[in-house]
Structure formats: structure tokens, C-alpha cells
Amino acid sequence: MIINIKNMVGRHDEIIVSNILNRLRLNVTYVTSGQVKLRGRVLQYQLRMLDNTLKEEGLEIIIAKKTLLVQKVKNLIYEMVYCDDEPLPVKFSGYLSQRLHYSYTYLSAIFSHECHMSIERYLIEQRIEKVKMLITTHWVLSNIACKMNYSSVSHLSTQFKKVTGITASEYKFLQEREVMRLRA
């Protein structure tokens, strides 16, 4: 049985889900971003227990087709931002359409309805989260802009301020100050 899980992105969530499945004594074939495959028969009460336990972690079993499609979009964005080091050879809209076999217009409408934000906005927010991680590892902003495939440092800085409300330099300063405070 394959179970799709909402909000499950990244290795951290995979570990949480694996631990939950082990605690519930369910036979796992694999756990990957957004999906779990179980061996054998799974009873209805076990699925309810799994869903309730997942909800405690901010996750849940996906039942609706549209919700599943949104999760697939989020997983592809996560892979692109956090896992792939190479920029996409095509426009992102074309990449999503190609990978999910739906028009970008359809994907965008479903995503906006389910998440109350556009795919573009979600992508920008994820990119800025990655930029925050890179800033705290003392990367130079020009290198971050290049790595994250921004056209310029100025473009990165503008998006960073729009999303966070502060400049990247201010963010870096606040992070360094916090580290110093914790060390004291």
C-alpha cells in the first residue's frame, strides 16, 4: 500500500515518519519525500492512528487528488532548491509541466487554491530560506546569488527584503549577534 503524506519534504521529515511507522509496528518498504510504501495489510484503525500521529508532527495522509498534486509541486521545488546544484536548463514552469504531466496554468490554479499563494511566491520563499542558510555559513552574497541562480546580487537583495522585511546584511548581522550572545 502506498500512502502519500502532506507537508513531508526533506530528510528530517522522512526520519520522523520512519520513527512513527516503526512505533506503530507497520511494515515499511520505503519512505521518501511525500510518500510511504507499506508491506502487507494495513487495517483502517492503523491508518487512523497513523494519520493522528502524523498530524501531531504537522503532517497528514493525503486523500484528495488535488492535494496530492500540490504536494508533488512542493516536493519538486524542495528538490530544486535544496538538492540540485545545477540550474534548470528550462523555465521552471516548463519543468513542472513536464515532470507532472499537467499544464502550468492548471498546476498554478490548483496550487493557489490549496495554498493561498502562487507557485512563484512559494518558490521565492523556499529560495530565500536557502539563502538564509547560506548566509549563516559565511558565504559571500555574490557567491550565494550565483549558486541560487539569481541574475544579480541586487535581484537577490530585493527579493530577500521583500520576503523577510530586512536586508541580507542586516540578517547576517542579527545572526552573528545571536551566535555571540549564545556563546557568552
Protein backbone atom coordinates (compact mmCIF):
# COMPACT_ATOMS: atom_id res chain seq x y z
CA MET A 1 0.00 0.00 0.00
CA ILE A 2 1.32 3.43 -0.96
CA ILE A 3 0.42 6.36 1.29
CA ASN A 4 1.02 9.96 0.26
CA ILE A 5 1.82 12.39 3.07
CA LYS A 6 1.16 16.13 3.06
CA ASN A 7 3.95 18.55 4.13
CA MET A 8 6.57 15.80 4.06
CA VAL A 9 9.64 17.31 2.44
CA GLY A 10 13.25 16.58 3.15
CA ARG A 11 15.27 14.08 5.10
CA HIS A 12 14.18 15.38 8.51
CA ASP A 13 10.51 14.57 7.79
CA GLU A 14 11.45 11.17 6.37
CA ILE A 15 13.15 10.29 9.68
CA ILE A 16 10.13 11.48 11.69
CA VAL A 17 7.77 9.40 9.53
CA SER A 18 10.03 6.33 9.71
CA ASN A 19 10.07 6.57 13.51
CA ILE A 20 6.27 6.89 13.63
CA LEU A 21 5.82 3.87 11.35
CA ASN A 22 8.21 1.80 13.49
CA ARG A 23 6.41 2.86 16.67
CA LEU A 24 3.10 1.77 15.14
CA ARG A 25 4.73 -1.51 14.05
CA LEU A 26 3.84 -1.07 10.38
CA ASN A 27 5.99 -2.95 7.85
CA VAL A 28 7.77 -0.35 5.75
CA THR A 29 9.13 -0.98 2.25
CA TYR A 30 10.36 2.59 1.76
CA VAL A 31 9.94 6.16 2.96
CA THR A 32 10.68 9.01 0.55
CA SER A 33 9.66 12.67 0.27
CA GLY A 34 5.88 12.75 0.33
CA GLN A 35 5.36 9.00 0.11
CA VAL A 36 5.48 5.79 2.12
CA LYS A 37 5.10 2.23 0.89
CA LEU A 38 3.91 -0.35 3.41
CA ARG A 39 4.04 -4.14 3.09
CA GLY A 40 1.15 -6.36 3.94
CA ARG A 41 -2.32 -5.46 5.02
CA VAL A 42 -3.00 -2.19 6.83
CA LEU A 43 -6.17 -2.02 8.86
CA GLN A 44 -8.43 1.05 8.97
CA TYR A 45 -7.72 1.74 12.66
CA GLN A 46 -3.96 1.63 11.90
CA LEU A 47 -4.42 4.27 9.19
CA ARG A 48 -6.38 6.46 11.63
CA MET A 49 -3.64 6.08 14.25
CA LEU A 50 -1.00 6.88 11.64
CA ASP A 51 -2.88 9.97 10.46
CA ASN A 52 -3.44 11.23 14.03
CA THR A 53 0.24 10.72 14.92
CA LEU A 54 1.36 12.42 11.70
CA LYS A 55 -0.89 15.41 12.45
CA GLU A 56 0.93 15.90 15.76
CA GLU A 57 4.06 16.48 13.64
CA GLY A 58 2.37 18.84 11.16
CA LEU A 59 1.96 16.08 8.58
CA GLU A 60 -1.09 14.16 7.38
CA ILE A 61 -2.21 11.50 4.96
CA ILE A 62 -3.28 12.91 1.59
CA ILE A 63 -6.56 11.71 0.26
CA ALA A 64 -7.61 14.32 -2.33
CA LYS A 65 -6.02 14.18 -5.79
CA LYS A 66 -5.53 17.96 -5.87
CA THR A 67 -3.81 17.96 -2.50
CA LEU A 68 -1.51 15.21 -3.74
CA LEU A 69 -0.67 17.25 -6.83
CA VAL A 70 0.18 20.29 -4.68
CA GLN A 71 2.46 18.13 -2.55
CA LYS A 72 4.24 16.91 -5.68
CA VAL A 73 4.80 20.53 -6.74
CA LYS A 74 6.23 21.31 -3.28
CA ASN A 75 8.50 18.26 -3.45
CA LEU A 76 9.87 19.29 -6.85
CA ILE A 77 10.51 22.81 -5.55
CA TYR A 78 12.26 21.38 -2.50
CA GLU A 79 14.46 19.16 -4.67
CA MET A 80 15.31 22.05 -6.95
CA VAL A 81 16.16 24.49 -4.15
CA TYR A 82 17.82 22.21 -1.60
CA CYS A 83 19.19 19.24 -3.55
CA ASP A 84 20.07 20.22 -7.10
CA ASP A 85 23.28 22.21 -7.58
CA GLU A 86 22.76 22.75 -11.29
CA PRO A 87 20.31 25.39 -12.57
CA LEU A 88 17.37 24.13 -14.60
CA PRO A 89 18.03 24.00 -18.35
CA VAL A 90 14.39 25.09 -18.99
CA LYS A 91 11.97 27.54 -17.44
CA PHE A 92 10.59 26.35 -14.12
CA SER A 93 7.00 26.38 -15.40
CA GLY A 94 8.01 24.04 -18.25
CA TYR A 95 9.92 21.83 -15.83
CA LEU A 96 6.86 21.40 -13.58
CA SER A 97 4.56 20.72 -16.53
CA GLN A 98 6.97 18.17 -17.95
CA ARG A 99 7.51 16.35 -14.65
CA LEU A 100 3.85 16.29 -13.55
CA HIS A 101 2.16 15.98 -16.97
CA TYR A 102 -0.24 18.89 -16.40
CA SER A 103 -0.28 22.37 -17.87
CA TYR A 104 1.39 25.01 -15.73
CA THR A 105 -1.86 27.02 -15.76
CA TYR A 106 -3.72 24.08 -14.18
CA LEU A 107 -0.95 23.43 -11.63
CA SER A 108 -0.83 27.11 -10.73
CA ALA A 109 -4.60 27.35 -10.23
CA ILE A 110 -4.69 24.23 -8.02
CA PHE A 111 -1.65 25.35 -6.00
CA SER A 112 -3.04 28.86 -5.44
CA HIS A 113 -6.41 27.49 -4.37
CA GLU A 114 -4.94 24.94 -1.95
CA CYS A 115 -2.06 27.04 -0.53
CA HIS A 116 -3.42 30.59 -0.82
CA MET A 117 -0.22 31.68 -2.58
CA SER A 118 1.21 31.30 -6.07
CA ILE A 119 3.78 28.70 -7.02
CA GLU A 120 6.17 31.56 -7.77
CA ARG A 121 5.72 33.01 -4.28
CA TYR A 122 6.30 29.60 -2.69
CA LEU A 123 9.42 29.09 -4.81
CA ILE A 124 10.76 32.52 -3.84
CA GLU A 125 10.14 31.83 -0.14
CA GLN A 126 11.98 28.50 -0.37
CA ARG A 127 14.89 30.11 -2.19
CA ILE A 128 15.13 32.81 0.48
CA GLU A 129 15.13 30.13 3.22
CA LYS A 130 18.08 28.50 1.46
CA VAL A 131 19.79 31.89 1.16
CA LYS A 132 19.36 32.36 4.93
CA MET A 133 21.10 29.03 5.49
CA LEU A 134 23.97 30.02 3.21
CA ILE A 135 24.33 33.44 4.86
CA THR A 136 24.79 31.81 8.25
CA THR A 137 27.60 29.65 6.83
CA HIS A 138 29.52 32.83 5.95
CA TRP A 139 29.11 32.70 2.20
CA VAL A 140 29.61 35.99 0.36
CA LEU A 141 26.38 37.39 -1.08
CA SER A 142 27.74 37.41 -4.65
CA ASN A 143 28.54 33.68 -4.36
CA ILE A 144 25.09 32.99 -2.91
CA ALA A 145 23.43 34.88 -5.77
CA CYS A 146 25.40 32.81 -8.27
CA LYS A 147 24.70 29.49 -6.51
CA MET A 148 20.98 30.25 -6.22
CA ASN A 149 20.80 31.28 -9.89
CA TYR A 150 19.85 34.91 -9.30
CA SER A 151 20.64 37.28 -12.16
CA SER A 152 22.46 39.63 -9.77
CA VAL A 153 23.16 40.39 -6.12
CA SER A 154 20.72 43.28 -6.45
CA HIS A 155 17.92 40.91 -7.53
CA LEU A 156 18.67 38.59 -4.61
CA SER A 157 18.77 41.51 -2.16
CA THR A 158 15.45 42.90 -3.40
CA GLN A 159 13.70 39.53 -3.05
CA PHE A 160 15.30 38.92 0.35
CA LYS A 161 14.00 42.22 1.71
CA LYS A 162 10.51 41.67 0.23
CA VAL A 163 10.23 38.26 1.92
CA THR A 164 11.95 38.96 5.27
CA GLY A 165 11.46 42.69 5.73
CA ILE A 166 15.19 43.21 6.31
CA THR A 167 18.26 43.24 4.09
CA ALA A 168 20.55 40.24 3.77
CA SER A 169 23.31 42.23 5.50
CA GLU A 170 21.02 43.04 8.43
CA TYR A 171 20.02 39.37 8.63
CA LYS A 172 23.66 38.30 8.69
CA PHE A 173 24.45 40.85 11.40
CA LEU A 174 21.50 39.69 13.54
CA GLN A 175 22.54 36.05 13.15
CA GLU A 176 26.14 36.80 14.11
CA ARG A 177 24.94 38.81 17.11
CA GLU A 178 22.72 35.90 18.21
CA VAL A 179 25.65 33.48 17.95
CA MET A 180 27.82 35.81 20.07
CA ARG A 181 25.02 36.14 22.63
CA LEU A 182 24.68 32.36 22.89
CA ARG A 183 28.44 31.92 23.33
CA ALA A 184 28.58 34.45 26.17
